[in-house]
Amino acid sequence: MSSARAAADVSVADETTPLLVAVENPDTPPVEGLHEERRPGLEDIEKPLPMGQILLLCYARLVDPIAFFSIFPFINKMIHEQAGVPETNVGFYAGLIKVVN
């Protein structure tokens, strides 16, 4: 009888059908919270937005491009002195760094 029931269940399966069917055993106690309707409670209360965190993120997004673009006036000298690149090739490597970043 159970195989006929399982075959009938498969034929009417949709997106709400669970992938694993729980076998009910009368010896085991039911699991709390399983198959219960969601009740309105404390988790449904609207919480205010964390404005402090949002403002910090906005500030970080504002300052990041400033810090990123402030290195470009000094990049030619850095490439020439630190990397030991000849002065004729400095422009190529500076452009390469700008494109990669």
PDB file of N, CA and C in Angstrom:
ATOM      1  N   MET A   1       0.820  -1.189   0.000  1.00  0.00           N
ATOM      2  CA  MET A   1       0.000   0.000   0.000  1.00  0.00           C
ATOM      3  C   MET A   1       0.862   1.252   0.000  1.00  0.00           C
ATOM      4  N   SER A   2       1.975   1.206   0.712  1.00  0.00           N
ATOM      5  CA  SER A   2       2.816   2.386   0.780  1.00  0.00           C
ATOM      6  C   SER A   2       3.471   2.683  -0.561  1.00  0.00           C
ATOM      7  N   SER A   3       3.814   1.648  -1.355  1.00  0.00           N
ATOM      8  CA  SER A   3       4.414   1.900  -2.661  1.00  0.00           C
ATOM      9  C   SER A   3       3.400   2.515  -3.619  1.00  0.00           C
ATOM     10  N   ALA A   4       2.130   2.127  -3.490  1.00  0.00           N
ATOM     11  CA  ALA A   4       1.089   2.730  -4.331  1.00  0.00           C
ATOM     12  C   ALA A   4       0.893   4.190  -3.945  1.00  0.00           C
ATOM     13  N   ARG A   5       0.977   4.484  -2.648  1.00  0.00           N
ATOM     14  CA  ARG A   5       0.830   5.861  -2.185  1.00  0.00           C
ATOM     15  C   ARG A   5       2.005   6.708  -2.686  1.00  0.00           C
ATOM     16  N   ALA A   6       3.208   6.130  -2.624  1.00  0.00           N
ATOM     17  CA  ALA A   6       4.390   6.855  -3.083  1.00  0.00           C
ATOM     18  C   ALA A   6       4.305   7.116  -4.580  1.00  0.00           C
ATOM     19  N   ALA A   7       3.801   6.141  -5.353  1.00  0.00           N
ATOM     20  CA  ALA A   7       3.660   6.330  -6.790  1.00  0.00           C
ATOM     21  C   ALA A   7       2.635   7.409  -7.093  1.00  0.00           C
ATOM     22  N   ALA A   8       1.573   7.452  -6.295  1.00  0.00           N
ATOM     23  CA  ALA A   8       0.553   8.481  -6.496  1.00  0.00           C
ATOM     24  C   ALA A   8       1.102   9.851  -6.152  1.00  0.00           C
ATOM     25  N   ASP A   9       1.948   9.929  -5.106  1.00  0.00           N
ATOM     26  CA  ASP A   9       2.525  11.207  -4.712  1.00  0.00           C
ATOM     27  C   ASP A   9       3.474  11.740  -5.779  1.00  0.00           C
ATOM     28  N   VAL A  10       4.214  10.868  -6.431  1.00  0.00           N
ATOM     29  CA  VAL A  10       5.169  11.293  -7.440  1.00  0.00           C
ATOM     30  C   VAL A  10       4.448  11.889  -8.639  1.00  0.00           C
ATOM     31  N   SER A  11       3.291  11.355  -8.973  1.00  0.00           N
ATOM     32  CA  SER A  11       2.584  11.844 -10.151  1.00  0.00           C
ATOM     33  C   SER A  11       2.024  13.245  -9.953  1.00  0.00           C
ATOM     34  N   VAL A  12       1.816  13.674  -8.708  1.00  0.00           N
ATOM     35  CA  VAL A  12       1.283  15.006  -8.454  1.00  0.00           C
ATOM     36  C   VAL A  12       2.339  15.910  -7.824  1.00  0.00           C
ATOM     37  N   ALA A  13       3.592  15.623  -8.064  1.00  0.00           N
ATOM     38  CA  ALA A  13       4.661  16.422  -7.482  1.00  0.00           C
ATOM     39  C   ALA A  13       4.734  17.776  -8.173  1.00  0.00           C
ATOM     40  N   ASP A  14       4.978  18.803  -7.375  1.00  0.00           N
ATOM     41  CA  ASP A  14       5.192  20.138  -7.912  1.00  0.00           C
ATOM     42  C   ASP A  14       6.332  20.787  -7.134  1.00  0.00           C
ATOM     43  N   GLU A  15       6.505  22.119  -7.284  1.00  0.00           N
ATOM     44  CA  GLU A  15       7.632  22.777  -6.632  1.00  0.00           C
ATOM     45  C   GLU A  15       7.535  22.815  -5.115  1.00  0.00           C
ATOM     46  N   THR A  16       6.362  22.517  -4.563  1.00  0.00           N
ATOM     47  CA  THR A  16       6.217  22.520  -3.097  1.00  0.00           C
ATOM     48  C   THR A  16       6.395  21.136  -2.495  1.00  0.00           C
ATOM     49  N   THR A  17       6.552  20.104  -3.308  1.00  0.00           N
ATOM     50  CA  THR A  17       6.724  18.747  -2.811  1.00  0.00           C
ATOM     51  C   THR A  17       8.123  18.594  -2.228  1.00  0.00           C
ATOM     52  N   PRO A  18       8.242  18.101  -0.995  1.00  0.00           N
ATOM     53  CA  PRO A  18       9.581  17.934  -0.423  1.00  0.00           C
ATOM     54  C   PRO A  18      10.362  16.846  -1.154  1.00  0.00           C
ATOM     55  N   LEU A  19      11.672  17.017  -1.210  1.00  0.00           N
ATOM     56  CA  LEU A  19      12.517  16.037  -1.874  1.00  0.00           C
ATOM     57  C   LEU A  19      12.632  14.753  -1.069  1.00  0.00           C
ATOM     58  N   LEU A  20      12.687  14.888   0.247  1.00  0.00           N
ATOM     59  CA  LEU A  20      12.757  13.733   1.123  1.00  0.00           C
ATOM     60  C   LEU A  20      11.467  13.664   1.934  1.00  0.00           C
ATOM     61  N   VAL A  21      10.776  12.548   1.830  1.00  0.00           N
ATOM     62  CA  VAL A  21       9.523  12.391   2.547  1.00  0.00           C
ATOM     63  C   VAL A  21       9.829  11.830   3.923  1.00  0.00           C
ATOM     64  N   ALA A  22       9.319  12.492   4.949  1.00  0.00           N
ATOM     65  CA  ALA A  22       9.538  12.033   6.316  1.00  0.00           C
ATOM     66  C   ALA A  22       8.617  10.847   6.604  1.00  0.00           C
ATOM     67  N   VAL A  23       9.201   9.787   7.134  1.00  0.00           N
ATOM     68  CA  VAL A  23       8.421   8.615   7.509  1.00  0.00           C
ATOM     69  C   VAL A  23       7.982   8.806   8.950  1.00  0.00           C
ATOM     70  N   GLU A  24       6.680   8.750   9.155  1.00  0.00           N
ATOM     71  CA  GLU A  24       6.163   8.957  10.508  1.00  0.00           C
ATOM     72  C   GLU A  24       6.288   7.670  11.309  1.00  0.00           C
ATOM     73  N   ASN A  25       6.910   7.786  12.446  1.00  0.00           N
ATOM     74  CA  ASN A  25       7.090   6.661  13.342  1.00  0.00           C
ATOM     75  C   ASN A  25       6.375   7.018  14.640  1.00  0.00           C
ATOM     76  N   PRO A  26       5.414   6.212  15.081  1.00  0.00           N
ATOM     77  CA  PRO A  26       4.680   6.572  16.297  1.00  0.00           C
ATOM     78  C   PRO A  26       5.534   6.542  17.561  1.00  0.00           C
ATOM     79  N   ASP A  27       6.713   5.906  17.507  1.00  0.00           N
ATOM     80  CA  ASP A  27       7.564   5.816  18.689  1.00  0.00           C
ATOM     81  C   ASP A  27       8.381   7.081  18.929  1.00  0.00           C
ATOM     82  N   THR A  28       8.615   7.885  17.887  1.00  0.00           N
ATOM     83  CA  THR A  28       9.434   9.077  18.050  1.00  0.00           C
ATOM     84  C   THR A  28       8.548  10.290  18.274  1.00  0.00           C
ATOM     85  N   PRO A  29       8.963  11.176  19.163  1.00  0.00           N
ATOM     86  CA  PRO A  29       8.165  12.386  19.397  1.00  0.00           C
ATOM     87  C   PRO A  29       8.280  13.334  18.208  1.00  0.00           C
ATOM     88  N   PRO A  30       7.271  14.131  17.942  1.00  0.00           N
ATOM     89  CA  PRO A  30       7.341  15.065  16.812  1.00  0.00           C
ATOM     90  C   PRO A  30       8.367  16.159  17.063  1.00  0.00           C
ATOM     91  N   VAL A  31       8.981  16.625  16.012  1.00  0.00           N
ATOM     92  CA  VAL A  31       9.974  17.682  16.096  1.00  0.00           C
ATOM     93  C   VAL A  31       9.238  19.010  16.148  1.00  0.00           C
ATOM     94  N   GLU A  32       9.584  19.812  17.162  1.00  0.00           N
ATOM     95  CA  GLU A  32       8.924  21.110  17.274  1.00  0.00           C
ATOM     96  C   GLU A  32       9.380  22.019  16.152  1.00  0.00           C
ATOM     97  N   GLY A  33       8.452  22.778  15.611  1.00  0.00           N
ATOM     98  CA  GLY A  33       8.760  23.716  14.550  1.00  0.00           C
ATOM     99  C   GLY A  33       8.676  23.121  13.159  1.00  0.00           C
ATOM    100  N   LEU A  34       8.572  21.787  13.058  1.00  0.00           N
ATOM    101  CA  LEU A  34       8.488  21.143  11.763  1.00  0.00           C
ATOM    102  C   LEU A  34       7.042  21.174  11.290  1.00  0.00           C
ATOM    103  N   HIS A  35       6.803  21.633  10.122  1.00  0.00           N
ATOM    104  CA  HIS A  35       5.480  21.720   9.498  1.00  0.00           C
ATOM    105  C   HIS A  35       4.528  22.622  10.265  1.00  0.00           C
ATOM    106  N   GLU A  36       5.056  23.583  10.976  1.00  0.00           N
ATOM    107  CA  GLU A  36       4.180  24.534  11.655  1.00  0.00           C
ATOM    108  C   GLU A  36       4.012  25.764  10.785  1.00  0.00           C
ATOM    109  N   GLU A  37       2.856  26.369  10.875  1.00  0.00           N
ATOM    110  CA  GLU A  37       2.632  27.602  10.146  1.00  0.00           C
ATOM    111  C   GLU A  37       3.459  28.708  10.791  1.00  0.00           C
ATOM    112  N   ARG A  38       3.898  29.640   9.990  1.00  0.00           N
ATOM    113  CA  ARG A  38       4.663  30.765  10.523  1.00  0.00           C
ATOM    114  C   ARG A  38       3.702  31.720  11.207  1.00  0.00           C
ATOM    115  N   ARG A  39       3.950  31.928  12.449  1.00  0.00           N
ATOM    116  CA  ARG A  39       3.075  32.810  13.220  1.00  0.00           C
ATOM    117  C   ARG A  39       3.676  34.197  13.286  1.00  0.00           C
ATOM    118  N   PRO A  40       2.826  35.222  13.168  1.00  0.00           N
ATOM    119  CA  PRO A  40       3.379  36.572  13.322  1.00  0.00           C
ATOM    120  C   PRO A  40       3.887  36.761  14.746  1.00  0.00           C
ATOM    121  N   GLY A  41       5.044  37.299  14.854  1.00  0.00           N
ATOM    122  CA  GLY A  41       5.629  37.481  16.178  1.00  0.00           C
ATOM    123  C   GLY A  41       6.651  38.590  16.147  1.00  0.00           C
ATOM    124  N   LEU A  42       7.650  38.446  16.979  1.00  0.00           N
ATOM    125  CA  LEU A  42       8.658  39.490  17.098  1.00  0.00           C
ATOM    126  C   LEU A  42       9.492  39.644  15.833  1.00  0.00           C
ATOM    127  N   GLU A  43       9.693  38.545  15.080  1.00  0.00           N
ATOM    128  CA  GLU A  43      10.520  38.666  13.888  1.00  0.00           C
ATOM    129  C   GLU A  43       9.823  39.432  12.772  1.00  0.00           C
ATOM    130  N   ASP A  44       8.512  39.626  12.869  1.00  0.00           N
ATOM    131  CA  ASP A  44       7.779  40.366  11.842  1.00  0.00           C
ATOM    132  C   ASP A  44       7.741  41.867  12.096  1.00  0.00           C
ATOM    133  N   ILE A  45       8.184  42.289  13.257  1.00  0.00           N
ATOM    134  CA  ILE A  45       8.194  43.713  13.554  1.00  0.00           C
ATOM    135  C   ILE A  45       9.243  44.379  12.676  1.00  0.00           C
ATOM    136  N   GLU A  46       8.872  45.484  12.045  1.00  0.00           N
ATOM    137  CA  GLU A  46       9.813  46.174  11.181  1.00  0.00           C
ATOM    138  C   GLU A  46      10.923  46.810  12.017  1.00  0.00           C
ATOM    139  N   LYS A  47      12.140  46.509  11.629  1.00  0.00           N
ATOM    140  CA  LYS A  47      13.297  47.048  12.330  1.00  0.00           C
ATOM    141  C   LYS A  47      13.809  48.251  11.543  1.00  0.00           C
ATOM    142  N   PRO A  48      14.292  49.269  12.237  1.00  0.00           N
ATOM    143  CA  PRO A  48      14.828  50.428  11.507  1.00  0.00           C
ATOM    144  C   PRO A  48      16.142  50.061  10.819  1.00  0.00           C
ATOM    145  N   LEU A  49      16.435  50.781   9.757  1.00  0.00           N
ATOM    146  CA  LEU A  49      17.692  50.542   9.059  1.00  0.00           C
ATOM    147  C   LEU A  49      18.870  50.962   9.926  1.00  0.00           C
ATOM    148  N   PRO A  50      19.974  50.215   9.868  1.00  0.00           N
ATOM    149  CA  PRO A  50      21.166  50.597  10.628  1.00  0.00           C
ATOM    150  C   PRO A  50      21.860  51.778   9.951  1.00  0.00           C
ATOM    151  N   MET A  51      21.412  52.980  10.258  1.00  0.00           N
ATOM    152  CA  MET A  51      21.897  54.175   9.572  1.00  0.00           C
ATOM    153  C   MET A  51      23.390  54.414   9.790  1.00  0.00           C
ATOM    154  N   GLY A  52      23.903  54.062  10.953  1.00  0.00           N
ATOM    155  CA  GLY A  52      25.344  54.232  11.201  1.00  0.00           C
ATOM    156  C   GLY A  52      26.177  53.407  10.233  1.00  0.00           C
ATOM    157  N   GLN A  53      25.802  52.158  10.038  1.00  0.00           N
ATOM    158  CA  GLN A  53      26.532  51.288   9.120  1.00  0.00           C
ATOM    159  C   GLN A  53      26.371  51.757   7.678  1.00  0.00           C
ATOM    160  N   ILE A  54      25.180  52.191   7.325  1.00  0.00           N
ATOM    161  CA  ILE A  54      24.950  52.672   5.960  1.00  0.00           C
ATOM    162  C   ILE A  54      25.785  53.917   5.688  1.00  0.00           C
ATOM    163  N   LEU A  55      25.859  54.831   6.647  1.00  0.00           N
ATOM    164  CA  LEU A  55      26.663  56.044   6.458  1.00  0.00           C
ATOM    165  C   LEU A  55      28.155  55.718   6.353  1.00  0.00           C
ATOM    166  N   LEU A  56      28.621  54.754   7.138  1.00  0.00           N
ATOM    167  CA  LEU A  56      30.025  54.344   7.027  1.00  0.00           C
ATOM    168  C   LEU A  56      30.316  53.734   5.662  1.00  0.00           C
ATOM    169  N   LEU A  57      29.403  52.944   5.147  1.00  0.00           N
ATOM    170  CA  LEU A  57      29.602  52.368   3.816  1.00  0.00           C
ATOM    171  C   LEU A  57      29.594  53.446   2.736  1.00  0.00           C
ATOM    172  N   CYS A  58      28.712  54.423   2.874  1.00  0.00           N
ATOM    173  CA  CYS A  58      28.677  55.528   1.912  1.00  0.00           C
ATOM    174  C   CYS A  58      29.978  56.325   1.960  1.00  0.00           C
ATOM    175  N   TYR A  59      30.490  56.546   3.153  1.00  0.00           N
ATOM    176  CA  TYR A  59      31.755  57.263   3.310  1.00  0.00           C
ATOM    177  C   TYR A  59      32.897  56.474   2.665  1.00  0.00           C
ATOM    178  N   ALA A  60      32.923  55.173   2.877  1.00  0.00           N
ATOM    179  CA  ALA A  60      33.978  54.342   2.292  1.00  0.00           C
ATOM    180  C   ALA A  60      33.896  54.357   0.773  1.00  0.00           C
ATOM    181  N   ARG A  61      32.682  54.335   0.238  1.00  0.00           N
ATOM    182  CA  ARG A  61      32.519  54.390  -1.218  1.00  0.00           C
ATOM    183  C   ARG A  61      32.948  55.743  -1.779  1.00  0.00           C
ATOM    184  N   LEU A  62      32.814  56.786  -0.979  1.00  0.00           N
ATOM    185  CA  LEU A  62      33.206  58.121  -1.423  1.00  0.00           C
ATOM    186  C   LEU A  62      34.723  58.294  -1.380  1.00  0.00           C
ATOM    187  N   VAL A  63      35.368  57.779  -0.364  1.00  0.00           N
ATOM    188  CA  VAL A  63      36.804  57.981  -0.161  1.00  0.00           C
ATOM    189  C   VAL A  63      37.647  57.026  -1.004  1.00  0.00           C
ATOM    190  N   ASP A  64      37.129  55.877  -1.348  1.00  0.00           N
ATOM    191  CA  ASP A  64      37.903  54.882  -2.089  1.00  0.00           C
ATOM    192  C   ASP A  64      38.429  55.416  -3.423  1.00  0.00           C
ATOM    193  N   PRO A  65      37.621  56.038  -4.272  1.00  0.00           N
ATOM    194  CA  PRO A  65      38.183  56.551  -5.531  1.00  0.00           C
ATOM    195  C   PRO A  65      39.215  57.655  -5.313  1.00  0.00           C
ATOM    196  N   ILE A  66      39.039  58.449  -4.280  1.00  0.00           N
ATOM    197  CA  ILE A  66      40.010  59.519  -4.002  1.00  0.00           C
ATOM    198  C   ILE A  66      41.369  58.908  -3.676  1.00  0.00           C
ATOM    199  N   ALA A  67      41.379  57.883  -2.841  1.00  0.00           N
ATOM    200  CA  ALA A  67      42.632  57.218  -2.496  1.00  0.00           C
ATOM    201  C   ALA A  67      43.226  56.502  -3.699  1.00  0.00           C
ATOM    202  N   PHE A  68      42.369  55.910  -4.525  1.00  0.00           N
ATOM    203  CA  PHE A  68      42.849  55.171  -5.687  1.00  0.00           C
ATOM    204  C   PHE A  68      43.501  56.102  -6.707  1.00  0.00           C
ATOM    205  N   PHE A  69      42.861  57.224  -7.016  1.00  0.00           N
ATOM    206  CA  PHE A  69      43.381  58.109  -8.050  1.00  0.00           C
ATOM    207  C   PHE A  69      44.480  59.034  -7.552  1.00  0.00           C
ATOM    208  N   SER A  70      44.707  59.103  -6.252  1.00  0.00           N
ATOM    209  CA  SER A  70      45.770  59.982  -5.761  1.00  0.00           C
ATOM    210  C   SER A  70      47.162  59.396  -5.969  1.00  0.00           C
ATOM    211  N   ILE A  71      47.273  58.113  -6.304  1.00  0.00           N
ATOM    212  CA  ILE A  71      48.598  57.526  -6.534  1.00  0.00           C
ATOM    213  C   ILE A  71      49.098  57.782  -7.943  1.00  0.00           C
ATOM    214  N   PHE A  72      48.229  58.126  -8.886  1.00  0.00           N
ATOM    215  CA  PHE A  72      48.654  58.232 -10.281  1.00  0.00           C
ATOM    216  C   PHE A  72      49.653  59.343 -10.563  1.00  0.00           C
ATOM    217  N   PRO A  73      49.646  60.485  -9.887  1.00  0.00           N
ATOM    218  CA  PRO A  73      50.703  61.463 -10.165  1.00  0.00           C
ATOM    219  C   PRO A  73      52.095  60.978  -9.767  1.00  0.00           C
ATOM    220  N   PHE A  74      52.170  60.032  -8.852  1.00  0.00           N
ATOM    221  CA  PHE A  74      53.464  59.569  -8.339  1.00  0.00           C
ATOM    222  C   PHE A  74      53.900  58.237  -8.924  1.00  0.00           C
ATOM    223  N   ILE A  75      53.075  57.637  -9.748  1.00  0.00           N
ATOM    224  CA  ILE A  75      53.351  56.278 -10.213  1.00  0.00           C
ATOM    225  C   ILE A  75      54.542  56.227 -11.173  1.00  0.00           C
ATOM    226  N   ASN A  76      54.729  57.274 -11.972  1.00  0.00           N
ATOM    227  CA  ASN A  76      55.864  57.272 -12.905  1.00  0.00           C
ATOM    228  C   ASN A  76      57.196  57.253 -12.166  1.00  0.00           C
ATOM    229  N   LYS A  77      57.318  58.069 -11.127  1.00  0.00           N
ATOM    230  CA  LYS A  77      58.555  58.113 -10.354  1.00  0.00           C
ATOM    231  C   LYS A  77      58.783  56.791  -9.615  1.00  0.00           C
ATOM    232  N   MET A  78      57.705  56.228  -9.094  1.00  0.00           N
ATOM    233  CA  MET A  78      57.825  54.959  -8.380  1.00  0.00           C
ATOM    234  C   MET A  78      58.320  53.857  -9.314  1.00  0.00           C
ATOM    235  N   ILE A  79      57.767  53.794 -10.521  1.00  0.00           N
ATOM    236  CA  ILE A  79      58.180  52.757 -11.468  1.00  0.00           C
ATOM    237  C   ILE A  79      59.644  52.955 -11.865  1.00  0.00           C
ATOM    238  N   HIS A  80      60.030  54.183 -12.099  1.00  0.00           N
ATOM    239  CA  HIS A  80      61.407  54.455 -12.528  1.00  0.00           C
ATOM    240  C   HIS A  80      62.402  54.124 -11.419  1.00  0.00           C
ATOM    241  N   GLU A  81      62.098  54.522 -10.164  1.00  0.00           N
ATOM    242  CA  GLU A  81      63.057  54.316  -9.079  1.00  0.00           C
ATOM    243  C   GLU A  81      63.011  52.908  -8.493  1.00  0.00           C
ATOM    244  N   GLN A  82      61.849  52.373  -8.277  1.00  0.00           N
ATOM    245  CA  GLN A  82      61.738  51.086  -7.580  1.00  0.00           C
ATOM    246  C   GLN A  82      61.943  49.888  -8.500  1.00  0.00           C
ATOM    247  N   ALA A  83      61.402  49.962  -9.695  1.00  0.00           N
ATOM    248  CA  ALA A  83      61.477  48.802 -10.586  1.00  0.00           C
ATOM    249  C   ALA A  83      62.734  48.803 -11.444  1.00  0.00           C
ATOM    250  N   GLY A  84      63.418  49.935 -11.527  1.00  0.00           N
ATOM    251  CA  GLY A  84      64.625  49.988 -12.341  1.00  0.00           C
ATOM    252  C   GLY A  84      64.324  49.941 -13.833  1.00  0.00           C
ATOM    253  N   VAL A  85      63.160  50.423 -14.214  1.00  0.00           N
ATOM    254  CA  VAL A  85      62.766  50.439 -15.622  1.00  0.00           C
ATOM    255  C   VAL A  85      63.410  51.653 -16.285  1.00  0.00           C
ATOM    256  N   PRO A  86      63.925  51.494 -17.500  1.00  0.00           N
ATOM    257  CA  PRO A  86      64.487  52.665 -18.201  1.00  0.00           C
ATOM    258  C   PRO A  86      63.420  53.742 -18.397  1.00  0.00           C
ATOM    259  N   GLU A  87      63.864  54.984 -18.433  1.00  0.00           N
ATOM    260  CA  GLU A  87      62.939  56.107 -18.500  1.00  0.00           C
ATOM    261  C   GLU A  87      62.082  56.080 -19.764  1.00  0.00           C
ATOM    262  N   THR A  88      62.549  55.447 -20.811  1.00  0.00           N
ATOM    263  CA  THR A  88      61.769  55.376 -22.051  1.00  0.00           C
ATOM    264  C   THR A  88      60.581  54.415 -21.943  1.00  0.00           C
ATOM    265  N   ASN A  89      60.621  53.458 -21.000  1.00  0.00           N
ATOM    266  CA  ASN A  89      59.544  52.474 -20.847  1.00  0.00           C
ATOM    267  C   ASN A  89      58.610  52.764 -19.678  1.00  0.00           C
ATOM    268  N   VAL A  90      58.883  53.847 -18.938  1.00  0.00           N
ATOM    269  CA  VAL A  90      58.069  54.152 -17.755  1.00  0.00           C
ATOM    270  C   VAL A  90      56.615  54.398 -18.129  1.00  0.00           C
ATOM    271  N   GLY A  91      56.361  55.098 -19.195  1.00  0.00           N
ATOM    272  CA  GLY A  91      54.986  55.395 -19.609  1.00  0.00           C
ATOM    273  C   GLY A  91      54.198  54.137 -19.921  1.00  0.00           C
ATOM    274  N   PHE A  92      54.854  53.157 -20.543  1.00  0.00           N
ATOM    275  CA  PHE A  92      54.180  51.896 -20.843  1.00  0.00           C
ATOM    276  C   PHE A  92      53.741  51.190 -19.573  1.00  0.00           C
ATOM    277  N   TYR A  93      54.644  51.066 -18.604  1.00  0.00           N
ATOM    278  CA  TYR A  93      54.315  50.352 -17.371  1.00  0.00           C
ATOM    279  C   TYR A  93      53.315  51.123 -16.519  1.00  0.00           C
ATOM    280  N   ALA A  94      53.390  52.448 -16.535  1.00  0.00           N
ATOM    281  CA  ALA A  94      52.406  53.241 -15.793  1.00  0.00           C
ATOM    282  C   ALA A  94      51.013  53.049 -16.389  1.00  0.00           C
ATOM    283  N   GLY A  95      50.926  53.045 -17.706  1.00  0.00           N
ATOM    284  CA  GLY A  95      49.647  52.771 -18.352  1.00  0.00           C
ATOM    285  C   GLY A  95      49.150  51.382 -18.085  1.00  0.00           C
ATOM    286  N   LEU A  96      50.061  50.416 -18.013  1.00  0.00           N
ATOM    287  CA  LEU A  96      49.690  49.043 -17.714  1.00  0.00           C
ATOM    288  C   LEU A  96      49.110  48.938 -16.313  1.00  0.00           C
ATOM    289  N   ILE A  97      49.705  49.619 -15.350  1.00  0.00           N
ATOM    290  CA  ILE A  97      49.185  49.615 -13.983  1.00  0.00           C
ATOM    291  C   ILE A  97      47.814  50.253 -13.921  1.00  0.00           C
ATOM    292  N   LYS A  98      47.600  51.331 -14.656  1.00  0.00           N
ATOM    293  CA  LYS A  98      46.302  52.010 -14.653  1.00  0.00           C
ATOM    294  C   LYS A  98      45.228  51.145 -15.269  1.00  0.00           C
ATOM    295  N   VAL A  99      45.570  50.397 -16.313  1.00  0.00           N
ATOM    296  CA  VAL A  99      44.585  49.537 -16.971  1.00  0.00           C
ATOM    297  C   VAL A  99      44.239  48.346 -16.116  1.00  0.00           C
ATOM    298  N   VAL A 100      45.220  47.750 -15.479  1.00  0.00           N
ATOM    299  CA  VAL A 100      44.991  46.557 -14.660  1.00  0.00           C
ATOM    300  C   VAL A 100      44.150  46.893 -13.447  1.00  0.00           C
ATOM    301  N   ASN A 101      44.391  48.012 -12.820  1.00  0.00           N
ATOM    302  CA  ASN A 101      43.624  48.394 -11.641  1.00  0.00           C
ATOM    303  C   ASN A 101      42.328  48.967 -12.073  1.00  0.00           C
TER     304      ASN A 101
END
